[in-house]
Amino acid sequence: MSIRVMLPAAFQRHTDGVKQVDSSAVNLPALVEDLKFKFPVLGEHIKDEDGKLRKFINVYVNDEDIRFLGGESYAFQDKDEVMFIPSIAGGSR
């Protein structure tokens, strides 16, 4: 089984410009560990102190928010496309 992970430009500085990577992770916690193994610096930015995905990072599987698919318990299917999207906040007065 293989899934494709799309990494946004904001993360590519931690992946030496890699925009997508394949993984055999079976669920989100395993994928976060796989990304940390492949890109240690990225792992520091996407994981919190407890080893979980940071709250400001949204994950989509085939354009569907993973929270509506079961969250961390969702079992990836062969050829799923997973996107990590960091939340953007702020602005000016």
PDB file of N, CA and C in Angstrom:
ATOM      1  N   MET A   1       0.839  -1.171   0.000  1.00  0.00           N
ATOM      2  CA  MET A   1       0.000   0.000   0.000  1.00  0.00           C
ATOM      3  C   MET A   1       0.887   1.239   0.000  1.00  0.00           C
ATOM      4  N   SER A   2       0.471   2.232  -0.745  1.00  0.00           N
ATOM      5  CA  SER A   2       1.234   3.469  -0.818  1.00  0.00           C
ATOM      6  C   SER A   2       0.281   4.659  -0.899  1.00  0.00           C
ATOM      7  N   ILE A   3       0.608   5.687  -0.138  1.00  0.00           N
ATOM      8  CA  ILE A   3      -0.133   6.937  -0.210  1.00  0.00           C
ATOM      9  C   ILE A   3       0.826   8.024  -0.668  1.00  0.00           C
ATOM     10  N   ARG A   4       0.279   9.076  -1.235  1.00  0.00           N
ATOM     11  CA  ARG A   4       1.084  10.210  -1.676  1.00  0.00           C
ATOM     12  C   ARG A   4       0.793  11.374  -0.745  1.00  0.00           C
ATOM     13  N   VAL A   5       1.854  12.001  -0.244  1.00  0.00           N
ATOM     14  CA  VAL A   5       1.732  13.115   0.689  1.00  0.00           C
ATOM     15  C   VAL A   5       2.196  14.380  -0.014  1.00  0.00           C
ATOM     16  N   MET A   6       1.310  15.371  -0.054  1.00  0.00           N
ATOM     17  CA  MET A   6       1.619  16.654  -0.673  1.00  0.00           C
ATOM     18  C   MET A   6       2.034  17.629   0.426  1.00  0.00           C
ATOM     19  N   LEU A   7       3.175  18.263   0.237  1.00  0.00           N
ATOM     20  CA  LEU A   7       3.703  19.192   1.231  1.00  0.00           C
ATOM     21  C   LEU A   7       3.639  20.622   0.695  1.00  0.00           C
ATOM     22  N   PRO A   8       3.010  21.530   1.435  1.00  0.00           N
ATOM     23  CA  PRO A   8       2.875  22.910   0.968  1.00  0.00           C
ATOM     24  C   PRO A   8       4.218  23.635   0.978  1.00  0.00           C
ATOM     25  N   ALA A   9       4.269  24.746   0.283  1.00  0.00           N
ATOM     26  CA  ALA A   9       5.497  25.534   0.185  1.00  0.00           C
ATOM     27  C   ALA A   9       6.051  25.902   1.559  1.00  0.00           C
ATOM     28  N   ALA A  10       5.177  26.145   2.518  1.00  0.00           N
ATOM     29  CA  ALA A  10       5.626  26.520   3.864  1.00  0.00           C
ATOM     30  C   ALA A  10       6.470  25.423   4.514  1.00  0.00           C
ATOM     31  N   PHE A  11       6.271  24.171   4.125  1.00  0.00           N
ATOM     32  CA  PHE A  11       7.038  23.063   4.693  1.00  0.00           C
ATOM     33  C   PHE A  11       8.248  22.686   3.850  1.00  0.00           C
ATOM     34  N   GLN A  12       8.280  23.110   2.608  1.00  0.00           N
ATOM     35  CA  GLN A  12       9.332  22.667   1.704  1.00  0.00           C
ATOM     36  C   GLN A  12      10.723  23.159   2.097  1.00  0.00           C
ATOM     37  N   ARG A  13      10.790  24.224   2.880  1.00  0.00           N
ATOM     38  CA  ARG A  13      12.110  24.669   3.337  1.00  0.00           C
ATOM     39  C   ARG A  13      12.710  23.672   4.326  1.00  0.00           C
ATOM     40  N   HIS A  14      11.857  22.792   4.883  1.00  0.00           N
ATOM     41  CA  HIS A  14      12.320  21.768   5.823  1.00  0.00           C
ATOM     42  C   HIS A  14      12.495  20.413   5.141  1.00  0.00           C
ATOM     43  N   THR A  15      12.236  20.368   3.825  1.00  0.00           N
ATOM     44  CA  THR A  15      12.339  19.111   3.080  1.00  0.00           C
ATOM     45  C   THR A  15      13.291  19.223   1.893  1.00  0.00           C
ATOM     46  N   ASP A  16      14.112  20.261   1.900  1.00  0.00           N
ATOM     47  CA  ASP A  16      15.024  20.523   0.776  1.00  0.00           C
ATOM     48  C   ASP A  16      14.268  20.649  -0.542  1.00  0.00           C
ATOM     49  N   GLY A  17      13.090  21.250  -0.484  1.00  0.00           N
ATOM     50  CA  GLY A  17      12.308  21.509  -1.685  1.00  0.00           C
ATOM     51  C   GLY A  17      11.418  20.380  -2.154  1.00  0.00           C
ATOM     52  N   VAL A  18      11.411  19.263  -1.435  1.00  0.00           N
ATOM     53  CA  VAL A  18      10.556  18.142  -1.825  1.00  0.00           C
ATOM     54  C   VAL A  18       9.099  18.559  -1.652  1.00  0.00           C
ATOM     55  N   LYS A  19       8.305  18.394  -2.721  1.00  0.00           N
ATOM     56  CA  LYS A  19       6.904  18.819  -2.710  1.00  0.00           C
ATOM     57  C   LYS A  19       5.940  17.684  -2.393  1.00  0.00           C
ATOM     58  N   GLN A  20       6.355  16.473  -2.687  1.00  0.00           N
ATOM     59  CA  GLN A  20       5.509  15.316  -2.391  1.00  0.00           C
ATOM     60  C   GLN A  20       6.388  14.122  -2.092  1.00  0.00           C
ATOM     61  N   VAL A  21       5.842  13.229  -1.301  1.00  0.00           N
ATOM     62  CA  VAL A  21       6.585  12.040  -0.891  1.00  0.00           C
ATOM     63  C   VAL A  21       5.591  10.891  -0.759  1.00  0.00           C
ATOM     64  N   ASP A  22       6.036   9.701  -1.076  1.00  0.00           N
ATOM     65  CA  ASP A  22       5.196   8.521  -0.901  1.00  0.00           C
ATOM     66  C   ASP A  22       5.459   7.914   0.464  1.00  0.00           C
ATOM     67  N   SER A  23       4.440   7.293   1.024  1.00  0.00           N
ATOM     68  CA  SER A  23       4.555   6.677   2.339  1.00  0.00           C
ATOM     69  C   SER A  23       3.703   5.421   2.372  1.00  0.00           C
ATOM     70  N   SER A  24       4.069   4.499   3.242  1.00  0.00           N
ATOM     71  CA  SER A  24       3.260   3.299   3.455  1.00  0.00           C
ATOM     72  C   SER A  24       2.579   3.342   4.818  1.00  0.00           C
ATOM     73  N   ALA A  25       2.496   4.535   5.406  1.00  0.00           N
ATOM     74  CA  ALA A  25       1.854   4.696   6.713  1.00  0.00           C
ATOM     75  C   ALA A  25       0.392   4.261   6.644  1.00  0.00           C
ATOM     76  N   VAL A  26      -0.078   3.652   7.722  1.00  0.00           N
ATOM     77  CA  VAL A  26      -1.447   3.140   7.742  1.00  0.00           C
ATOM     78  C   VAL A  26      -2.448   4.130   8.326  1.00  0.00           C
ATOM     79  N   ASN A  27      -1.951   5.117   9.087  1.00  0.00           N
ATOM     80  CA  ASN A  27      -2.841   6.120   9.675  1.00  0.00           C
ATOM     81  C   ASN A  27      -2.033   7.394   9.953  1.00  0.00           C
ATOM     82  N   LEU A  28      -2.697   8.411  10.462  1.00  0.00           N
ATOM     83  CA  LEU A  28      -2.052   9.711  10.657  1.00  0.00           C
ATOM     84  C   LEU A  28      -0.884   9.660  11.633  1.00  0.00           C
ATOM     85  N   PRO A  29      -1.011   9.027  12.807  1.00  0.00           N
ATOM     86  CA  PRO A  29       0.156   8.972  13.703  1.00  0.00           C
ATOM     87  C   PRO A  29       1.369   8.312  13.041  1.00  0.00           C
ATOM     88  N   ALA A  30       1.144   7.246  12.279  1.00  0.00           N
ATOM     89  CA  ALA A  30       2.252   6.579  11.595  1.00  0.00           C
ATOM     90  C   ALA A  30       2.828   7.482  10.508  1.00  0.00           C
ATOM     91  N   LEU A  31       1.981   8.258   9.848  1.00  0.00           N
ATOM     92  CA  LEU A  31       2.462   9.165   8.805  1.00  0.00           C
ATOM     93  C   LEU A  31       3.314  10.278   9.409  1.00  0.00           C
ATOM     94  N   VAL A  32       2.885  10.823  10.534  1.00  0.00           N
ATOM     95  CA  VAL A  32       3.664  11.867  11.196  1.00  0.00           C
ATOM     96  C   VAL A  32       5.045  11.321  11.569  1.00  0.00           C
ATOM     97  N   GLU A  33       5.107  10.098  12.067  1.00  0.00           N
ATOM     98  CA  GLU A  33       6.393   9.474  12.400  1.00  0.00           C
ATOM     99  C   GLU A  33       7.237   9.248  11.152  1.00  0.00           C
ATOM    100  N   ASP A  34       6.607   8.821  10.066  1.00  0.00           N
ATOM    101  CA  ASP A  34       7.322   8.592   8.816  1.00  0.00           C
ATOM    102  C   ASP A  34       7.922   9.895   8.286  1.00  0.00           C
ATOM    103  N   LEU A  35       7.141  10.970   8.342  1.00  0.00           N
ATOM    104  CA  LEU A  35       7.653  12.264   7.883  1.00  0.00           C
ATOM    105  C   LEU A  35       8.795  12.739   8.768  1.00  0.00           C
ATOM    106  N   LYS A  36       8.677  12.504  10.063  1.00  0.00           N
ATOM    107  CA  LYS A  36       9.755  12.888  10.984  1.00  0.00           C
ATOM    108  C   LYS A  36      11.030  12.108  10.659  1.00  0.00           C
ATOM    109  N   PHE A  37      10.881  10.836  10.319  1.00  0.00           N
ATOM    110  CA  PHE A  37      12.040  10.014   9.968  1.00  0.00           C
ATOM    111  C   PHE A  37      12.680  10.509   8.672  1.00  0.00           C
ATOM    112  N   LYS A  38      11.854  10.807   7.664  1.00  0.00           N
ATOM    113  CA  LYS A  38      12.369  11.226   6.361  1.00  0.00           C
ATOM    114  C   LYS A  38      12.904  12.659   6.381  1.00  0.00           C
ATOM    115  N   PHE A  39      12.273  13.512   7.169  1.00  0.00           N
ATOM    116  CA  PHE A  39      12.632  14.933   7.239  1.00  0.00           C
ATOM    117  C   PHE A  39      12.662  15.363   8.708  1.00  0.00           C
ATOM    118  N   PRO A  40      13.759  15.093   9.421  1.00  0.00           N
ATOM    119  CA  PRO A  40      13.814  15.378  10.858  1.00  0.00           C
ATOM    120  C   PRO A  40      13.457  16.822  11.229  1.00  0.00           C
ATOM    121  N   VAL A  41      13.894  17.787  10.439  1.00  0.00           N
ATOM    122  CA  VAL A  41      13.589  19.187  10.761  1.00  0.00           C
ATOM    123  C   VAL A  41      12.086  19.441  10.619  1.00  0.00           C
ATOM    124  N   LEU A  42      11.474  18.882   9.598  1.00  0.00           N
ATOM    125  CA  LEU A  42      10.030  19.022   9.432  1.00  0.00           C
ATOM    126  C   LEU A  42       9.305  18.402  10.621  1.00  0.00           C
ATOM    127  N   GLY A  43       9.794  17.265  11.091  1.00  0.00           N
ATOM    128  CA  GLY A  43       9.182  16.604  12.235  1.00  0.00           C
ATOM    129  C   GLY A  43       9.106  17.499  13.458  1.00  0.00           C
ATOM    130  N   GLU A  44      10.129  18.315  13.655  1.00  0.00           N
ATOM    131  CA  GLU A  44      10.135  19.243  14.791  1.00  0.00           C
ATOM    132  C   GLU A  44       9.047  20.294  14.653  1.00  0.00           C
ATOM    133  N   HIS A  45       8.688  20.628  13.444  1.00  0.00           N
ATOM    134  CA  HIS A  45       7.700  21.682  13.206  1.00  0.00           C
ATOM    135  C   HIS A  45       6.262  21.172  13.169  1.00  0.00           C
ATOM    136  N   ILE A  46       6.068  19.907  12.843  1.00  0.00           N
ATOM    137  CA  ILE A  46       4.697  19.413  12.752  1.00  0.00           C
ATOM    138  C   ILE A  46       4.242  18.670  14.001  1.00  0.00           C
ATOM    139  N   LYS A  47       5.176  18.277  14.862  1.00  0.00           N
ATOM    140  CA  LYS A  47       4.816  17.548  16.076  1.00  0.00           C
ATOM    141  C   LYS A  47       4.945  18.445  17.298  1.00  0.00           C
ATOM    142  N   ASP A  48       4.037  18.244  18.257  1.00  0.00           N
ATOM    143  CA  ASP A  48       4.130  18.995  19.507  1.00  0.00           C
ATOM    144  C   ASP A  48       4.983  18.219  20.509  1.00  0.00           C
ATOM    145  N   GLU A  49       5.048  18.704  21.741  1.00  0.00           N
ATOM    146  CA  GLU A  49       5.878  18.086  22.779  1.00  0.00           C
ATOM    147  C   GLU A  49       5.433  16.664  23.116  1.00  0.00           C
ATOM    148  N   ASP A  50       4.149  16.361  22.877  1.00  0.00           N
ATOM    149  CA  ASP A  50       3.620  15.028  23.167  1.00  0.00           C
ATOM    150  C   ASP A  50       3.722  14.081  21.970  1.00  0.00           C
ATOM    151  N   GLY A  51       4.326  14.548  20.880  1.00  0.00           N
ATOM    152  CA  GLY A  51       4.491  13.711  19.701  1.00  0.00           C
ATOM    153  C   GLY A  51       3.283  13.678  18.788  1.00  0.00           C
ATOM    154  N   LYS A  52       2.299  14.524  19.053  1.00  0.00           N
ATOM    155  CA  LYS A  52       1.096  14.584  18.219  1.00  0.00           C
ATOM    156  C   LYS A  52       1.221  15.707  17.197  1.00  0.00           C
ATOM    157  N   LEU A  53       0.425  15.594  16.153  1.00  0.00           N
ATOM    158  CA  LEU A  53       0.382  16.628  15.125  1.00  0.00           C
ATOM    159  C   LEU A  53      -0.087  17.933  15.753  1.00  0.00           C
ATOM    160  N   ARG A  54       0.603  19.018  15.443  1.00  0.00           N
ATOM    161  CA  ARG A  54       0.229  20.323  16.014  1.00  0.00           C
ATOM    162  C   ARG A  54      -1.180  20.701  15.573  1.00  0.00           C
ATOM    163  N   LYS A  55      -1.880  21.403  16.452  1.00  0.00           N
ATOM    164  CA  LYS A  55      -3.286  21.736  16.221  1.00  0.00           C
ATOM    165  C   LYS A  55      -3.500  22.671  15.035  1.00  0.00           C
ATOM    166  N   PHE A  56      -2.502  23.474  14.681  1.00  0.00           N
ATOM    167  CA  PHE A  56      -2.686  24.433  13.587  1.00  0.00           C
ATOM    168  C   PHE A  56      -2.434  23.825  12.207  1.00  0.00           C
ATOM    169  N   ILE A  57      -2.199  22.529  12.153  1.00  0.00           N
ATOM    170  CA  ILE A  57      -1.974  21.866  10.869  1.00  0.00           C
ATOM    171  C   ILE A  57      -3.214  21.052  10.523  1.00  0.00           C
ATOM    172  N   ASN A  58      -3.798  21.359   9.386  1.00  0.00           N
ATOM    173  CA  ASN A  58      -4.976  20.636   8.897  1.00  0.00           C
ATOM    174  C   ASN A  58      -4.525  19.557   7.920  1.00  0.00           C
ATOM    175  N   VAL A  59      -5.204  18.429   7.970  1.00  0.00           N
ATOM    176  CA  VAL A  59      -4.857  17.304   7.102  1.00  0.00           C
ATOM    177  C   VAL A  59      -6.078  16.936   6.265  1.00  0.00           C
ATOM    178  N   TYR A  60      -5.848  16.799   4.971  1.00  0.00           N
ATOM    179  CA  TYR A  60      -6.912  16.427   4.046  1.00  0.00           C
ATOM    180  C   TYR A  60      -6.530  15.137   3.338  1.00  0.00           C
ATOM    181  N   VAL A  61      -7.492  14.254   3.207  1.00  0.00           N
ATOM    182  CA  VAL A  61      -7.302  13.000   2.483  1.00  0.00           C
ATOM    183  C   VAL A  61      -8.247  13.042   1.297  1.00  0.00           C
ATOM    184  N   ASN A  62      -7.678  13.043   0.104  1.00  0.00           N
ATOM    185  CA  ASN A  62      -8.479  13.131  -1.127  1.00  0.00           C
ATOM    186  C   ASN A  62      -9.453  14.309  -1.044  1.00  0.00           C
ATOM    187  N   ASP A  63      -8.951  15.447  -0.606  1.00  0.00           N
ATOM    188  CA  ASP A  63      -9.706  16.705  -0.498  1.00  0.00           C
ATOM    189  C   ASP A  63     -10.769  16.710   0.601  1.00  0.00           C
ATOM    190  N   GLU A  64     -10.764  15.738   1.486  1.00  0.00           N
ATOM    191  CA  GLU A  64     -11.722  15.674   2.598  1.00  0.00           C
ATOM    192  C   GLU A  64     -10.948  15.854   3.909  1.00  0.00           C
ATOM    193  N   ASP A  65     -11.452  16.714   4.769  1.00  0.00           N
ATOM    194  CA  ASP A  65     -10.819  16.943   6.070  1.00  0.00           C
ATOM    195  C   ASP A  65     -10.788  15.632   6.844  1.00  0.00           C
ATOM    196  N   ILE A  66      -9.615  15.242   7.309  1.00  0.00           N
ATOM    197  CA  ILE A  66      -9.462  13.949   7.989  1.00  0.00           C
ATOM    198  C   ILE A  66     -10.302  13.874   9.258  1.00  0.00           C
ATOM    199  N   ARG A  67     -10.635  15.027   9.847  1.00  0.00           N
ATOM    200  CA  ARG A  67     -11.473  15.021  11.060  1.00  0.00           C
ATOM    201  C   ARG A  67     -12.842  14.425  10.772  1.00  0.00           C
ATOM    202  N   PHE A  68     -13.332  14.582   9.549  1.00  0.00           N
ATOM    203  CA  PHE A  68     -14.645  14.045   9.185  1.00  0.00           C
ATOM    204  C   PHE A  68     -14.570  12.592   8.711  1.00  0.00           C
ATOM    205  N   LEU A  69     -13.362  12.071   8.629  1.00  0.00           N
ATOM    206  CA  LEU A  69     -13.161  10.681   8.202  1.00  0.00           C
ATOM    207  C   LEU A  69     -12.818   9.768   9.378  1.00  0.00           C
ATOM    208  N   GLY A  70     -12.705  10.356  10.567  1.00  0.00           N
ATOM    209  CA  GLY A  70     -12.359   9.558  11.747  1.00  0.00           C
ATOM    210  C   GLY A  70     -11.095  10.035  12.437  1.00  0.00           C
ATOM    211  N   GLY A  71     -10.489  11.097  11.918  1.00  0.00           N
ATOM    212  CA  GLY A  71      -9.292  11.654  12.561  1.00  0.00           C
ATOM    213  C   GLY A  71      -8.118  10.700  12.539  1.00  0.00           C
ATOM    214  N   GLU A  72      -7.432  10.613  13.665  1.00  0.00           N
ATOM    215  CA  GLU A  72      -6.231   9.779  13.748  1.00  0.00           C
ATOM    216  C   GLU A  72      -6.511   8.302  13.505  1.00  0.00           C
ATOM    217  N   SER A  73      -7.741   7.879  13.709  1.00  0.00           N
ATOM    218  CA  SER A  73      -8.061   6.458  13.539  1.00  0.00           C
ATOM    219  C   SER A  73      -8.365   6.093  12.081  1.00  0.00           C
ATOM    220  N   TYR A  74      -8.477   7.108  11.204  1.00  0.00           N
ATOM    221  CA  TYR A  74      -8.749   6.813   9.792  1.00  0.00           C
ATOM    222  C   TYR A  74      -7.620   5.963   9.218  1.00  0.00           C
ATOM    223  N   ALA A  75      -7.977   4.852   8.594  1.00  0.00           N
ATOM    224  CA  ALA A  75      -6.992   3.968   7.954  1.00  0.00           C
ATOM    225  C   ALA A  75      -6.826   4.388   6.496  1.00  0.00           C
ATOM    226  N   PHE A  76      -5.615   4.822   6.159  1.00  0.00           N
ATOM    227  CA  PHE A  76      -5.353   5.213   4.783  1.00  0.00           C
ATOM    228  C   PHE A  76      -5.608   4.051   3.838  1.00  0.00           C
ATOM    229  N   GLN A  77      -6.077   4.392   2.653  1.00  0.00           N
ATOM    230  CA  GLN A  77      -6.322   3.410   1.597  1.00  0.00           C
ATOM    231  C   GLN A  77      -5.244   3.570   0.524  1.00  0.00           C
ATOM    232  N   ASP A  78      -4.984   2.511  -0.197  1.00  0.00           N
ATOM    233  CA  ASP A  78      -3.982   2.557  -1.257  1.00  0.00           C
ATOM    234  C   ASP A  78      -4.294   3.702  -2.220  1.00  0.00           C
ATOM    235  N   LYS A  79      -3.292   4.478  -2.528  1.00  0.00           N
ATOM    236  CA  LYS A  79      -3.352   5.600  -3.469  1.00  0.00           C
ATOM    237  C   LYS A  79      -4.068   6.841  -2.929  1.00  0.00           C
ATOM    238  N   ASP A  80      -4.344   6.880  -1.613  1.00  0.00           N
ATOM    239  CA  ASP A  80      -4.869   8.111  -1.023  1.00  0.00           C
ATOM    240  C   ASP A  80      -3.872   9.238  -1.251  1.00  0.00           C
ATOM    241  N   GLU A  81      -4.399  10.451  -1.433  1.00  0.00           N
ATOM    242  CA  GLU A  81      -3.554  11.642  -1.500  1.00  0.00           C
ATOM    243  C   GLU A  81      -3.813  12.459  -0.247  1.00  0.00           C
ATOM    244  N   VAL A  82      -2.755  12.697   0.503  1.00  0.00           N
ATOM    245  CA  VAL A  82      -2.840  13.383   1.786  1.00  0.00           C
ATOM    246  C   VAL A  82      -2.153  14.735   1.659  1.00  0.00           C
ATOM    247  N   MET A  83      -2.844  15.768   2.116  1.00  0.00           N
ATOM    248  CA  MET A  83      -2.266  17.118   2.088  1.00  0.00           C
ATOM    249  C   MET A  83      -2.186  17.657   3.505  1.00  0.00           C
ATOM    250  N   PHE A  84      -1.059  18.259   3.834  1.00  0.00           N
ATOM    251  CA  PHE A  84      -0.870  18.952   5.100  1.00  0.00           C
ATOM    252  C   PHE A  84      -0.977  20.444   4.804  1.00  0.00           C
ATOM    253  N   ILE A  85      -1.896  21.109   5.479  1.00  0.00           N
ATOM    254  CA  ILE A  85      -2.115  22.535   5.248  1.00  0.00           C
ATOM    255  C   ILE A  85      -1.995  23.274   6.573  1.00  0.00           C
ATOM    256  N   PRO A  86      -0.968  24.116   6.720  1.00  0.00           N
ATOM    257  CA  PRO A  86      -0.869  24.887   7.965  1.00  0.00           C
ATOM    258  C   PRO A  86      -1.907  26.018   7.966  1.00  0.00           C
ATOM    259  N   SER A  87      -2.516  26.233   9.123  1.00  0.00           N
ATOM    260  CA  SER A  87      -3.459  27.348   9.261  1.00  0.00           C
ATOM    261  C   SER A  87      -2.689  28.656   9.181  1.00  0.00           C
ATOM    262  N   ILE A  88      -3.339  29.635   8.618  1.00  0.00           N
ATOM    263  CA  ILE A  88      -2.731  30.960   8.511  1.00  0.00           C
ATOM    264  C   ILE A  88      -3.636  31.941   9.249  1.00  0.00           C
ATOM    265  N   ALA A  89      -3.043  32.690  10.135  1.00  0.00           N
ATOM    266  CA  ALA A  89      -3.821  33.645  10.924  1.00  0.00           C
ATOM    267  C   ALA A  89      -3.066  34.964  10.986  1.00  0.00           C
ATOM    268  N   GLY A  90      -3.759  35.958  11.407  1.00  0.00           N
ATOM    269  CA  GLY A  90      -3.117  37.259  11.569  1.00  0.00           C
ATOM    270  C   GLY A  90      -3.665  38.262  10.571  1.00  0.00           C
ATOM    271  N   GLY A  91      -2.977  39.317  10.452  1.00  0.00           N
ATOM    272  CA  GLY A  91      -3.416  40.368   9.539  1.00  0.00           C
ATOM    273  C   GLY A  91      -2.964  41.705  10.059  1.00  0.00           C
ATOM    274  N   SER A  92      -3.506  42.727   9.519  1.00  0.00           N
ATOM    275  CA  SER A  92      -3.133  44.065   9.956  1.00  0.00           C
ATOM    276  C   SER A  92      -4.380  44.853  10.302  1.00  0.00           C
ATOM    277  N   ARG A  93      -4.175  45.922  11.003  1.00  0.00           N
ATOM    278  CA  ARG A  93      -5.298  46.774  11.412  1.00  0.00           C
ATOM    279  C   ARG A  93      -5.721  47.699  10.325  1.00  0.00           C
TER     280      ARG A  93
END
